[in-house]
Amino acid sequence: MNRRKSGGRLDARVWPGILETLVPATDRRLEQIMAWAETHDQKWLFDFLEARAANLRADAGENFHGRIPPEDHLAQRFGLTVAQARVLSAFLGGQSLKEIAQAQGVSITTVRTHFVQMREKLGARDQADVVRIALLGGGES
């Protein structure tokens, strides 16, 4: 996908492709996610999505740490250690790996190690995939 930006906004040449492909695919995936969350009594997901939408509308850039799944839920669901779940929770809350290291009083190397191990357990390809899997489920769209 063309990632050109103009003044912090998507370049006009990119927008038609988003409307034609990304929006319908996102809508389909959200329908699947919401049906899964309803079926599996995962109401936290609706709270998270509502809070995220409000944040995007307000452009506040707030941390959603209180809206993301609890660390123990992440650990149990994905077979993570306590340390890996703590890193994942902070990452989902919007912190960078460097910020996580500083906040947890550990080295960046330690956080990277936890992140790589956690990414492997989730079956994620990259950081964006970690977020998608952790918040929205593991299946390919």
C-alpha atoms as a PDB file:
ATOM      1  CA  MET A   1       0.000   0.000   0.000  1.00  0.00           C
ATOM      2  CA  ASN A   2       1.165   3.488  -0.741  1.00  0.00           C
ATOM      3  CA  ARG A   3       2.080   5.125   2.572  1.00  0.00           C
ATOM      4  CA  ARG A   4       2.664   8.666   1.391  1.00  0.00           C
ATOM      5  CA  LYS A   5       1.459  11.333   3.751  1.00  0.00           C
ATOM      6  CA  SER A   6       0.836  14.988   3.315  1.00  0.00           C
ATOM      7  CA  GLY A   7       0.837  17.214   6.362  1.00  0.00           C
ATOM      8  CA  GLY A   8      -0.069  14.322   8.680  1.00  0.00           C
ATOM      9  CA  ARG A   9      -3.017  13.246   6.504  1.00  0.00           C
ATOM     10  CA  LEU A  10      -3.213  10.501   3.950  1.00  0.00           C
ATOM     11  CA  ASP A  11      -2.292  11.588   0.463  1.00  0.00           C
ATOM     12  CA  ALA A  12      -5.396  11.995  -1.725  1.00  0.00           C
ATOM     13  CA  ARG A  13      -4.049   9.348  -4.107  1.00  0.00           C
ATOM     14  CA  VAL A  14      -4.146   6.743  -1.320  1.00  0.00           C
ATOM     15  CA  TRP A  15      -7.670   7.469  -0.053  1.00  0.00           C
ATOM     16  CA  PRO A  16      -9.695   5.865  -2.920  1.00  0.00           C
ATOM     17  CA  GLY A  17      -7.889   2.555  -2.371  1.00  0.00           C
ATOM     18  CA  ILE A  18      -8.718   2.676   1.314  1.00  0.00           C
ATOM     19  CA  LEU A  19     -12.404   3.292   0.642  1.00  0.00           C
ATOM     20  CA  GLU A  20     -12.589   0.514  -1.939  1.00  0.00           C
ATOM     21  CA  THR A  21     -10.611  -2.196  -0.147  1.00  0.00           C
ATOM     22  CA  LEU A  22      -9.684  -1.502   3.445  1.00  0.00           C
ATOM     23  CA  VAL A  23     -13.012  -0.192   4.751  1.00  0.00           C
ATOM     24  CA  PRO A  24     -15.137  -3.144   3.521  1.00  0.00           C
ATOM     25  CA  ALA A  25     -12.526  -5.643   4.744  1.00  0.00           C
ATOM     26  CA  THR A  26     -12.390  -3.911   8.126  1.00  0.00           C
ATOM     27  CA  ASP A  27     -16.173  -3.892   8.388  1.00  0.00           C
ATOM     28  CA  ARG A  28     -16.318  -7.636   7.652  1.00  0.00           C
ATOM     29  CA  ARG A  29     -13.609  -8.369  10.229  1.00  0.00           C
ATOM     30  CA  LEU A  30     -15.324  -6.198  12.854  1.00  0.00           C
ATOM     31  CA  GLU A  31     -18.577  -8.096  12.312  1.00  0.00           C
ATOM     32  CA  GLN A  32     -16.705 -11.366  12.908  1.00  0.00           C
ATOM     33  CA  ILE A  33     -14.973  -9.987  15.986  1.00  0.00           C
ATOM     34  CA  MET A  34     -18.160  -8.616  17.498  1.00  0.00           C
ATOM     35  CA  ALA A  35     -20.014 -11.900  16.903  1.00  0.00           C
ATOM     36  CA  TRP A  36     -17.144 -13.800  18.534  1.00  0.00           C
ATOM     37  CA  ALA A  37     -17.026 -11.413  21.509  1.00  0.00           C
ATOM     38  CA  GLU A  38     -20.776 -11.727  22.030  1.00  0.00           C
ATOM     39  CA  THR A  39     -20.706 -15.524  21.778  1.00  0.00           C
ATOM     40  CA  HIS A  40     -17.734 -15.859  24.142  1.00  0.00           C
ATOM     41  CA  ASP A  41     -18.917 -13.258  26.681  1.00  0.00           C
ATOM     42  CA  GLN A  42     -15.909 -10.999  26.038  1.00  0.00           C
ATOM     43  CA  LYS A  43     -17.579  -7.691  26.855  1.00  0.00           C
ATOM     44  CA  TRP A  44     -14.241  -5.966  27.515  1.00  0.00           C
ATOM     45  CA  LEU A  45     -13.726  -5.924  23.742  1.00  0.00           C
ATOM     46  CA  PHE A  46     -16.802  -3.739  23.209  1.00  0.00           C
ATOM     47  CA  ASP A  47     -15.597  -1.353  25.932  1.00  0.00           C
ATOM     48  CA  PHE A  48     -12.184  -1.199  24.272  1.00  0.00           C
ATOM     49  CA  LEU A  49     -13.622  -0.508  20.817  1.00  0.00           C
ATOM     50  CA  GLU A  50     -15.959   2.182  22.142  1.00  0.00           C
ATOM     51  CA  ALA A  51     -13.130   3.863  24.047  1.00  0.00           C
ATOM     52  CA  ARG A  52     -10.809   3.640  21.042  1.00  0.00           C
ATOM     53  CA  ALA A  53     -13.435   5.174  18.756  1.00  0.00           C
ATOM     54  CA  ALA A  54     -14.043   8.002  21.233  1.00  0.00           C
ATOM     55  CA  ASN A  55     -10.311   8.626  21.434  1.00  0.00           C
ATOM     56  CA  LEU A  56      -9.964   8.758  17.671  1.00  0.00           C
ATOM     57  CA  ARG A  57     -12.863  11.200  17.415  1.00  0.00           C
ATOM     58  CA  ALA A  58     -11.406  13.391  20.141  1.00  0.00           C
ATOM     59  CA  ASP A  59      -7.861  12.914  18.818  1.00  0.00           C
ATOM     60  CA  ALA A  60      -6.780  12.826  22.448  1.00  0.00           C
ATOM     61  CA  GLY A  61      -4.088  10.152  22.181  1.00  0.00           C
ATOM     62  CA  GLU A  62      -4.977   8.727  25.590  1.00  0.00           C
ATOM     63  CA  ASN A  63      -3.609   5.446  26.894  1.00  0.00           C
ATOM     64  CA  PHE A  64      -6.255   2.720  26.967  1.00  0.00           C
ATOM     65  CA  HIS A  65      -4.539   0.593  29.581  1.00  0.00           C
ATOM     66  CA  GLY A  66      -7.752   0.311  31.596  1.00  0.00           C
ATOM     67  CA  ARG A  67      -9.666  -0.909  28.527  1.00  0.00           C
ATOM     68  CA  ILE A  68      -7.334  -3.627  27.330  1.00  0.00           C
ATOM     69  CA  PRO A  69      -7.566  -7.235  28.546  1.00  0.00           C
ATOM     70  CA  PRO A  70      -6.093  -7.838  32.007  1.00  0.00           C
ATOM     71  CA  GLU A  71      -2.562  -9.255  32.126  1.00  0.00           C
ATOM     72  CA  ASP A  72      -3.740 -12.548  33.646  1.00  0.00           C
ATOM     73  CA  HIS A  73      -6.242 -12.956  30.782  1.00  0.00           C
ATOM     74  CA  LEU A  74      -3.508 -12.328  28.208  1.00  0.00           C
ATOM     75  CA  ALA A  75      -1.163 -14.778  29.941  1.00  0.00           C
ATOM     76  CA  GLN A  76      -3.775 -17.515  30.112  1.00  0.00           C
ATOM     77  CA  ARG A  77      -5.179 -17.017  26.625  1.00  0.00           C
ATOM     78  CA  PHE A  78      -1.826 -16.992  24.835  1.00  0.00           C
ATOM     79  CA  GLY A  79       0.301 -19.124  27.169  1.00  0.00           C
ATOM     80  CA  LEU A  80       2.530 -16.201  28.173  1.00  0.00           C
ATOM     81  CA  THR A  81       4.699 -15.784  31.216  1.00  0.00           C
ATOM     82  CA  VAL A  82       3.803 -13.035  33.682  1.00  0.00           C
ATOM     83  CA  ALA A  83       6.642 -10.874  32.315  1.00  0.00           C
ATOM     84  CA  GLN A  84       5.565 -11.409  28.702  1.00  0.00           C
ATOM     85  CA  ALA A  85       1.941 -10.580  29.562  1.00  0.00           C
ATOM     86  CA  ARG A  86       3.092  -7.403  31.343  1.00  0.00           C
ATOM     87  CA  VAL A  87       5.043  -6.338  28.232  1.00  0.00           C
ATOM     88  CA  LEU A  88       2.090  -7.162  25.962  1.00  0.00           C
ATOM     89  CA  SER A  89      -0.332  -5.233  28.161  1.00  0.00           C
ATOM     90  CA  ALA A  90       1.911  -2.156  28.179  1.00  0.00           C
ATOM     91  CA  PHE A  91       2.456  -2.429  24.415  1.00  0.00           C
ATOM     92  CA  LEU A  92      -1.305  -2.663  23.797  1.00  0.00           C
ATOM     93  CA  GLY A  93      -1.650   0.382  26.040  1.00  0.00           C
ATOM     94  CA  GLY A  94       0.417   2.365  23.561  1.00  0.00           C
ATOM     95  CA  GLN A  95       3.876   2.283  25.111  1.00  0.00           C
ATOM     96  CA  SER A  96       6.953   1.757  22.965  1.00  0.00           C
ATOM     97  CA  LEU A  97       9.396  -1.002  23.887  1.00  0.00           C
ATOM     98  CA  LYS A  98      11.777   1.655  25.222  1.00  0.00           C
ATOM     99  CA  GLU A  99       9.021   3.182  27.378  1.00  0.00           C
ATOM    100  CA  ILE A 100       8.104  -0.278  28.689  1.00  0.00           C
ATOM    101  CA  ALA A 101      11.701  -0.925  29.689  1.00  0.00           C
ATOM    102  CA  GLN A 102      11.915   2.395  31.520  1.00  0.00           C
ATOM    103  CA  ALA A 103       8.559   1.937  33.272  1.00  0.00           C
ATOM    104  CA  GLN A 104       9.354  -1.627  34.358  1.00  0.00           C
ATOM    105  CA  GLY A 105      12.925  -0.850  35.369  1.00  0.00           C
ATOM    106  CA  VAL A 106      14.480  -3.415  33.046  1.00  0.00           C
ATOM    107  CA  SER A 107      16.782  -3.181  30.060  1.00  0.00           C
ATOM    108  CA  ILE A 108      15.494  -2.695  26.529  1.00  0.00           C
ATOM    109  CA  THR A 109      17.164  -6.025  25.691  1.00  0.00           C
ATOM    110  CA  THR A 110      14.998  -7.775  28.279  1.00  0.00           C
ATOM    111  CA  VAL A 111      11.846  -6.202  26.889  1.00  0.00           C
ATOM    112  CA  ARG A 112      12.848  -7.105  23.330  1.00  0.00           C
ATOM    113  CA  THR A 113      13.475 -10.699  24.404  1.00  0.00           C
ATOM    114  CA  HIS A 114      10.048 -10.907  26.054  1.00  0.00           C
ATOM    115  CA  PHE A 115       8.465  -9.306  22.995  1.00  0.00           C
ATOM    116  CA  VAL A 116      10.105 -11.724  20.543  1.00  0.00           C
ATOM    117  CA  GLN A 117       9.101 -14.746  22.636  1.00  0.00           C
ATOM    118  CA  MET A 118       5.566 -13.392  23.036  1.00  0.00           C
ATOM    119  CA  ARG A 119       5.311 -12.637  19.314  1.00  0.00           C
ATOM    120  CA  GLU A 120       6.290 -16.240  18.546  1.00  0.00           C
ATOM    121  CA  LYS A 121       3.664 -17.593  20.969  1.00  0.00           C
ATOM    122  CA  LEU A 122       1.008 -15.444  19.299  1.00  0.00           C
ATOM    123  CA  GLY A 123       2.167 -16.507  15.830  1.00  0.00           C
ATOM    124  CA  ALA A 124       2.547 -12.842  14.882  1.00  0.00           C
ATOM    125  CA  ARG A 125       4.711 -11.575  12.028  1.00  0.00           C
ATOM    126  CA  ASP A 126       5.360  -8.070  13.357  1.00  0.00           C
ATOM    127  CA  GLN A 127       4.264  -5.525  15.962  1.00  0.00           C
ATOM    128  CA  ALA A 128       1.044  -4.656  14.143  1.00  0.00           C
ATOM    129  CA  ASP A 129       0.178  -8.341  13.940  1.00  0.00           C
ATOM    130  CA  VAL A 130       0.749  -8.659  17.711  1.00  0.00           C
ATOM    131  CA  VAL A 131      -1.860  -5.953  18.321  1.00  0.00           C
ATOM    132  CA  ARG A 132      -4.321  -7.488  15.873  1.00  0.00           C
ATOM    133  CA  ILE A 133      -4.020 -10.973  17.348  1.00  0.00           C
ATOM    134  CA  ALA A 134      -4.034  -9.855  20.986  1.00  0.00           C
ATOM    135  CA  LEU A 135      -7.064  -7.596  20.630  1.00  0.00           C
ATOM    136  CA  LEU A 136      -9.034  -9.063  17.787  1.00  0.00           C
ATOM    137  CA  GLY A 137      -8.227 -12.754  17.638  1.00  0.00           C
ATOM    138  CA  GLY A 138      -5.778 -14.922  15.773  1.00  0.00           C
ATOM    139  CA  GLY A 139      -7.382 -15.957  12.498  1.00  0.00           C
ATOM    140  CA  GLU A 140      -6.390 -14.554   9.140  1.00  0.00           C
ATOM    141  CA  SER A 141      -8.896 -12.159   7.637  1.00  0.00           C
END
